[in-house]
Protein backbone atom coordinates (compact mmCIF):
# COMPACT_ATOMS: atom_id res chain seq x y z
CA MET A 1 -8.36 3.23 -1.99
CA ASN A 2 -10.72 5.94 -3.08
CA LYS A 3 -9.09 8.09 -5.76
CA PRO A 4 -10.82 9.65 -8.78
CA SER A 5 -10.71 7.37 -11.83
CA ALA A 6 -8.86 4.66 -9.89
CA GLN A 7 -9.75 1.08 -10.72
CA GLN A 8 -8.91 -1.96 -8.64
CA SER A 9 -8.25 -5.46 -9.90
CA VAL A 10 -7.51 -8.49 -7.76
CA HIS A 11 -4.77 -10.87 -8.82
CA SER A 12 -5.14 -14.04 -6.78
CA ASP A 13 -1.91 -15.50 -8.20
CA TRP A 14 0.00 -12.55 -6.75
CA LYS A 15 -2.16 -12.29 -3.62
CA ALA A 16 -2.46 -8.57 -4.32
CA THR A 17 -4.85 -5.90 -5.55
CA GLN A 18 -3.55 -3.57 -8.25
CA ILE A 19 -4.79 0.01 -8.25
CA LYS A 20 -4.57 1.81 -11.59
CA VAL A 21 -5.63 4.97 -13.38
CA ASP A 22 -5.89 4.73 -17.17
CA ASP A 23 -4.43 1.22 -16.95
CA VAL A 24 -1.24 2.46 -15.24
CA MET A 25 -0.57 1.03 -11.79
CA PHE A 26 0.36 3.36 -8.94
CA ALA A 27 -0.31 1.09 -5.95
CA MET A 28 -0.52 -2.58 -5.11
CA VAL A 29 -2.05 -3.73 -1.85
CA HIS A 30 -0.59 -6.99 -0.59
CA GLU A 31 -3.13 -9.49 0.70
CA ILE A 32 -0.47 -11.31 2.67
CA GLU A 33 1.17 -9.66 5.62
CA ILE A 34 4.83 -8.69 5.51
CA ASP A 35 6.63 -8.79 8.84
CA VAL A 36 3.22 -9.22 10.54
CA HIS A 37 1.91 -5.98 8.97
CA PRO A 38 -0.36 -5.39 6.01
CA ALA A 39 1.59 -3.64 3.26
CA VAL A 40 1.17 -1.57 0.12
CA ALA A 41 3.62 -1.00 -2.74
CA LEU A 42 3.60 2.61 -3.97
CA LYS A 43 5.19 4.12 -7.08
CA CYS A 44 7.50 7.07 -6.49
CA SER A 45 10.43 8.96 -7.92
CA PRO A 46 13.85 7.42 -7.27
CA ALA A 47 14.83 10.42 -5.12
CA LEU A 48 11.71 10.18 -2.94
CA ALA A 49 12.10 6.40 -2.72
CA GLU A 50 15.58 6.72 -1.23
CA LEU A 51 14.66 9.59 1.08
CA ILE A 52 11.64 7.81 2.56
CA ARG A 53 13.60 4.57 3.06
CA GLU A 54 16.35 6.44 4.90
CA GLN A 55 13.85 8.17 7.19
CA HIS A 56 11.48 5.28 7.98
CA SER A 57 12.27 1.69 8.92
CA ASP A 58 8.79 0.61 7.75
CA VAL A 59 9.53 1.55 4.13
CA HIS A 60 11.52 -0.90 1.99
CA PRO A 61 12.46 -1.29 -1.67
CA SER A 62 9.83 -3.36 -3.43
CA ALA A 63 10.75 -7.01 -3.73
CA HIS A 64 8.48 -7.65 -6.73
CA LEU A 65 8.45 -4.35 -8.62
CA ASN A 66 11.32 -2.13 -9.82
CA PRO A 67 12.85 -1.03 -6.49
CA SER A 68 14.12 2.22 -8.00
CA HIS A 69 10.54 3.35 -8.52
CA TRP A 70 8.56 1.33 -5.97
CA ASN A 71 8.52 1.24 -2.17
CA THR A 72 6.74 -1.27 0.03
CA VAL A 73 5.18 0.53 2.97
CA LEU A 74 4.27 -1.46 6.05
CA LEU A 75 0.90 -0.33 7.32
CA GLU A 76 0.18 -0.19 11.04
CA GLY A 77 3.86 0.56 11.58
CA SER A 78 5.65 3.75 12.56
CA LEU A 79 4.35 5.90 9.67
CA LYS A 80 1.45 8.18 10.52
CA ASP A 81 -1.68 7.88 8.43
CA SER A 82 -1.05 11.37 7.05
CA GLN A 83 2.39 10.25 5.79
CA ILE A 84 0.88 7.21 4.09
CA TYR A 85 -1.82 9.39 2.46
CA TYR A 86 0.93 11.72 1.21
CA LEU A 87 2.79 8.78 -0.36
CA VAL A 88 -0.41 7.54 -2.02
CA ASP A 89 -1.04 11.01 -3.46
CA ALA A 90 2.59 11.22 -4.64
CA ALA A 91 2.23 7.82 -6.35
CA LEU A 92 -0.88 8.98 -8.18
CA GLN A 93 0.77 12.26 -9.22
CA ARG A 94 3.80 10.32 -10.47
CA ILE A 95 1.78 8.34 -13.01
CA GLN A 96 -0.26 11.38 -14.02
CA LYS A 97 2.98 13.25 -14.87
CA GLN A 98 4.15 10.31 -16.98
CA GLY A 99 0.91 10.15 -18.98
């Protein structure tokens, strides 16, 4: 994931790569496949989290992070790349607003 100031760190215990800006995580790429798809967990507002889940069957509440603020997005599913890029940008903006 190529975002300004973003740093990646691999956590082999979790089988995931955390992506952070200023030590605040906004995305976590799962190294194991979920439902036969690669997946990424993305931070979002509670309202956006619910809306996206209602509209897309490939978006689920995060099983390992606070599901009110985190969605797991199945990659290579029904979401278009442009929709996934939008969610990544929204995740980054979310942590920048909090900081």
